[in-house]
Amino acid sequence: MSANRTRAAAGGTIVVLALLSGCSLGIGTPSGVQPPAASRSGSPAAGSGSTPKAGSGDAAGVDVSKLDPCVLFPKDAAEKLVGATLSEPIDAKDQSQPSCTYNPDPNGGETAQATLSLGPGAENFYTIDVNQGHAFVDVPGLGDEAHLEPQAIFWKSHGVWAEINMLRLVDDDHQFDQPLIDAAKAVDALLG
C-alpha cells in the first residue's frame, strides 16, 4: 500500500471513529506551544500564517533522496511514540518523497501506527490539512517552523519538510503532543 493510501486510510479511520464516539479532533495548547498567529486572531489556522510553497522541499541543500526515513525514525522510536508494539517498517522507496510506516503488530496488541514522511509528501500533507481548516499550534525551537495538530506534527528544517503522524485509538489525543514534539526533535537533530 502506498504512503498516501496508508495515510488516507489512517485519516479516514480517525474521522470515522471520532464521529462514532462523539469525540472532537480539536487541539489544546501543550506547555510551551503557542497557537499560530492566524489562529489567535480568529482566522482559519494556517500554520505560522503562511502556506508552504510547492517545490521548496530541498532548497537548503539537503537531498531527500539520500535520506533513509526508517533510520531517522527507527522502530523503537515509533513504538515509544505510540506506546505500543508495531510491525517491521515499510519503506515507501520513493526517493523524491521518502516515508517509513510502522503498522500495528499483526500478533495482537494495541491498534497503533506511526509514519515519518519527508520532502514534498510531508509538505503536501501539511498543505492539505491547512486547506481543510485543521487547528494547529506552532512549536517553537523545532526547525525553521513547526506545527502540531492532534496525532501529527509538521516541520520545515534545513529546507526540508517533515511530518510524523500517528494513530492511536484514545480518548485524549493531547497525551501525544509532547511525545510527537520529542520524536520530531530527535529526527530533526539527525537531519542537521
Protein backbone atom coordinates (compact mmCIF):
# COMPACT_ATOMS: atom_id res chain seq x y z
CA MET A 1 0.00 0.00 0.00
CA SER A 2 1.38 3.42 -0.88
CA ALA A 3 2.17 6.00 1.78
CA ASN A 4 -0.66 8.21 0.53
CA ARG A 5 -3.16 5.35 0.75
CA THR A 6 -1.87 4.39 4.18
CA ARG A 7 -2.25 8.00 5.38
CA ALA A 8 -5.71 8.27 3.80
CA ALA A 9 -6.82 5.01 5.42
CA ALA A 10 -5.47 6.08 8.81
CA GLY A 11 -7.04 9.53 8.48
CA GLY A 12 -10.36 8.02 7.45
CA THR A 13 -10.24 5.67 10.42
CA ILE A 14 -9.63 8.57 12.80
CA VAL A 15 -12.53 10.58 11.38
CA VAL A 16 -14.96 7.64 11.43
CA LEU A 17 -14.00 6.68 14.98
CA ALA A 18 -14.26 10.27 16.16
CA LEU A 19 -17.71 10.61 14.64
CA LEU A 20 -18.87 7.30 16.09
CA SER A 21 -17.58 8.09 19.55
CA GLY A 22 -18.64 11.73 19.54
CA CYS A 23 -15.04 12.86 20.18
CA SER A 24 -13.69 16.15 18.97
CA LEU A 25 -10.49 16.29 16.98
CA GLY A 26 -9.70 19.80 18.24
CA ILE A 27 -6.40 20.56 19.92
CA GLY A 28 -5.41 22.24 23.12
CA THR A 29 -2.14 24.03 23.69
CA PRO A 30 0.57 21.90 25.30
CA SER A 31 3.05 23.57 27.61
CA GLY A 32 5.44 25.88 25.76
CA VAL A 33 3.48 25.76 22.50
CA GLN A 34 1.73 28.82 21.10
CA PRO A 35 -1.28 28.88 18.78
CA PRO A 36 -0.34 30.22 15.33
CA ALA A 37 -0.83 33.95 14.87
CA ALA A 38 -3.66 33.29 12.41
CA SER A 39 -5.46 31.12 14.98
CA ARG A 40 -5.01 33.66 17.78
CA SER A 41 -6.63 36.33 15.61
CA GLY A 42 -9.64 34.13 14.88
CA SER A 43 -8.75 33.43 11.23
CA PRO A 44 -8.60 29.87 9.96
CA ALA A 45 -5.45 28.09 11.06
CA ALA A 46 -2.68 28.37 8.54
CA GLY A 47 0.42 27.31 10.36
CA SER A 48 2.55 30.33 11.00
CA GLY A 49 0.37 32.46 8.76
CA SER A 50 1.82 31.21 5.51
CA THR A 51 1.08 28.25 3.34
CA PRO A 52 4.09 26.26 2.19
CA LYS A 53 5.15 26.73 -1.41
CA ALA A 54 5.37 23.69 -3.64
CA GLY A 55 8.83 22.65 -4.66
CA SER A 56 10.62 24.04 -1.60
CA GLY A 57 11.45 20.60 -0.22
CA ASP A 58 15.23 20.59 -0.54
CA ALA A 59 16.08 24.25 -1.13
CA ALA A 60 18.77 24.40 1.57
CA GLY A 61 20.83 21.57 0.10
CA VAL A 62 19.54 18.52 1.99
CA ASP A 63 18.95 15.86 -0.66
CA VAL A 64 15.87 13.90 0.45
CA SER A 65 16.72 11.11 -1.99
CA LYS A 66 19.72 10.29 0.20
CA LEU A 67 17.71 10.14 3.43
CA ASP A 68 16.52 6.85 4.89
CA PRO A 69 13.36 7.61 6.88
CA CYS A 70 13.48 4.24 8.66
CA VAL A 71 16.95 5.09 10.00
CA LEU A 72 15.86 8.61 11.01
CA PHE A 73 12.74 7.21 12.75
CA PRO A 74 13.60 3.68 13.91
CA LYS A 75 11.07 1.14 15.16
CA ASP A 76 11.94 1.68 18.84
CA ALA A 77 11.29 5.43 18.48
CA ALA A 78 7.96 4.77 16.74
CA GLU A 79 6.93 2.30 19.44
CA LYS A 80 7.92 4.76 22.18
CA LEU A 81 5.81 7.44 20.48
CA VAL A 82 2.62 5.37 20.21
CA GLY A 83 3.14 3.29 23.35
CA ALA A 84 2.51 0.01 21.55
CA THR A 85 4.28 -2.78 19.70
CA LEU A 86 4.45 -2.18 15.94
CA SER A 87 5.33 -4.28 12.91
CA GLU A 88 8.56 -4.03 10.96
CA PRO A 89 8.93 -0.84 8.89
CA ILE A 90 7.55 -0.34 5.42
CA ASP A 91 9.82 1.97 3.44
CA ALA A 92 7.94 3.60 0.55
CA LYS A 93 11.17 3.51 -1.53
CA ASP A 94 10.19 6.77 -3.22
CA GLN A 95 13.39 8.81 -3.44
CA SER A 96 11.56 12.07 -4.15
CA GLN A 97 9.35 11.84 -1.06
CA PRO A 98 10.63 9.11 1.27
CA SER A 99 8.48 7.74 4.06
CA CYS A 100 8.59 4.95 6.60
CA THR A 101 5.46 3.44 8.16
CA TYR A 102 5.08 1.14 11.13
CA ASN A 103 1.70 -0.62 11.16
CA PRO A 104 0.01 -2.40 14.07
CA ASP A 105 1.67 -5.58 15.31
CA PRO A 106 -0.06 -8.43 13.45
CA ASN A 107 0.30 -10.63 16.54
CA GLY A 108 -2.16 -8.55 18.53
CA GLY A 109 -1.91 -5.71 20.96
CA GLU A 110 -2.97 -2.09 20.65
CA THR A 111 -4.13 -0.57 17.38
CA ALA A 112 -1.40 1.90 16.54
CA GLN A 113 0.52 3.25 13.56
CA ALA A 114 3.36 5.73 13.05
CA THR A 115 4.80 7.27 9.86
CA LEU A 116 7.65 9.63 9.04
CA SER A 117 7.30 11.42 5.70
CA LEU A 118 9.97 13.70 4.21
CA GLY A 119 10.12 16.24 1.40
CA PRO A 120 7.23 17.10 -0.91
CA GLY A 121 4.99 14.37 0.54
CA ALA A 122 5.17 15.88 4.04
CA GLU A 123 4.68 19.37 2.63
CA ASN A 124 1.61 18.22 0.67
CA PHE A 125 0.06 16.60 3.75
CA TYR A 126 0.55 19.86 5.66
CA THR A 127 -0.96 21.94 2.85
CA ILE A 128 -3.98 19.62 2.66
CA ASP A 129 -4.55 19.84 6.40
CA VAL A 130 -4.22 23.65 6.32
CA ASN A 131 -6.71 23.85 3.43
CA GLN A 132 -9.12 21.63 5.36
CA GLY A 133 -9.01 24.09 8.25
CA HIS A 134 -7.24 21.86 10.77
CA ALA A 135 -6.33 23.60 14.03
CA PHE A 136 -2.57 23.88 14.53
CA VAL A 137 -0.32 25.24 17.21
CA ASP A 138 3.17 26.49 16.44
CA VAL A 139 6.04 24.66 18.12
CA PRO A 140 8.98 26.92 18.99
CA GLY A 141 12.50 25.54 18.89
CA LEU A 142 11.91 22.98 16.14
CA GLY A 143 13.36 23.71 12.70
CA ASP A 144 12.52 26.87 10.80
CA GLU A 145 8.81 26.39 11.51
CA ALA A 146 6.79 23.62 13.13
CA HIS A 147 3.05 22.98 13.50
CA LEU A 148 1.30 20.50 15.77
CA GLU A 149 -2.19 19.04 15.42
CA PRO A 150 -3.76 16.01 17.10
CA GLN A 151 -1.58 12.97 16.41
CA ALA A 152 0.64 14.74 13.83
CA ILE A 153 3.48 17.23 13.68
CA PHE A 154 4.84 19.00 10.60
CA TRP A 155 8.07 20.96 10.45
CA LYS A 156 10.47 22.50 7.99
CA SER A 157 14.18 22.31 8.73
CA HIS A 158 17.22 22.73 6.52
CA GLY A 159 14.83 23.38 3.63
CA VAL A 160 13.10 20.01 4.04
CA TRP A 161 9.51 19.44 5.15
CA ALA A 162 8.99 16.52 7.51
CA GLU A 163 5.95 15.01 9.17
CA ILE A 164 5.37 12.42 11.84
CA ASN A 165 1.81 11.21 12.05
CA MET A 166 0.44 8.53 14.25
CA LEU A 167 -2.74 6.68 15.01
CA ARG A 168 -3.85 5.58 18.46
CA LEU A 169 -7.45 4.99 19.41
CA VAL A 170 -7.62 7.01 22.61
CA ASP A 171 -9.96 9.49 24.26
CA ASP A 172 -7.31 12.20 24.66
CA ASP A 173 -5.19 12.96 21.58
CA HIS A 174 -3.35 15.62 23.60
CA GLN A 175 -1.45 12.96 25.53
CA PHE A 176 0.69 12.58 22.39
CA ASP A 177 1.56 16.27 21.93
CA GLN A 178 4.86 16.20 23.84
CA PRO A 179 5.88 12.74 22.57
CA LEU A 180 5.31 13.98 18.98
CA ILE A 181 7.43 17.08 19.65
CA ASP A 182 10.18 14.94 21.20
CA ALA A 183 10.14 12.48 18.27
CA ALA A 184 10.29 15.33 15.75
CA LYS A 185 13.23 16.93 17.59
CA ALA A 186 15.09 13.60 17.53
CA VAL A 187 14.55 13.26 13.76
CA ASP A 188 15.42 16.92 13.20
CA ALA A 189 18.73 16.50 15.02
CA LEU A 190 19.65 13.78 12.52
CA LEU A 191 18.65 15.94 9.54
CA GLY A 192 21.13 18.66 10.55
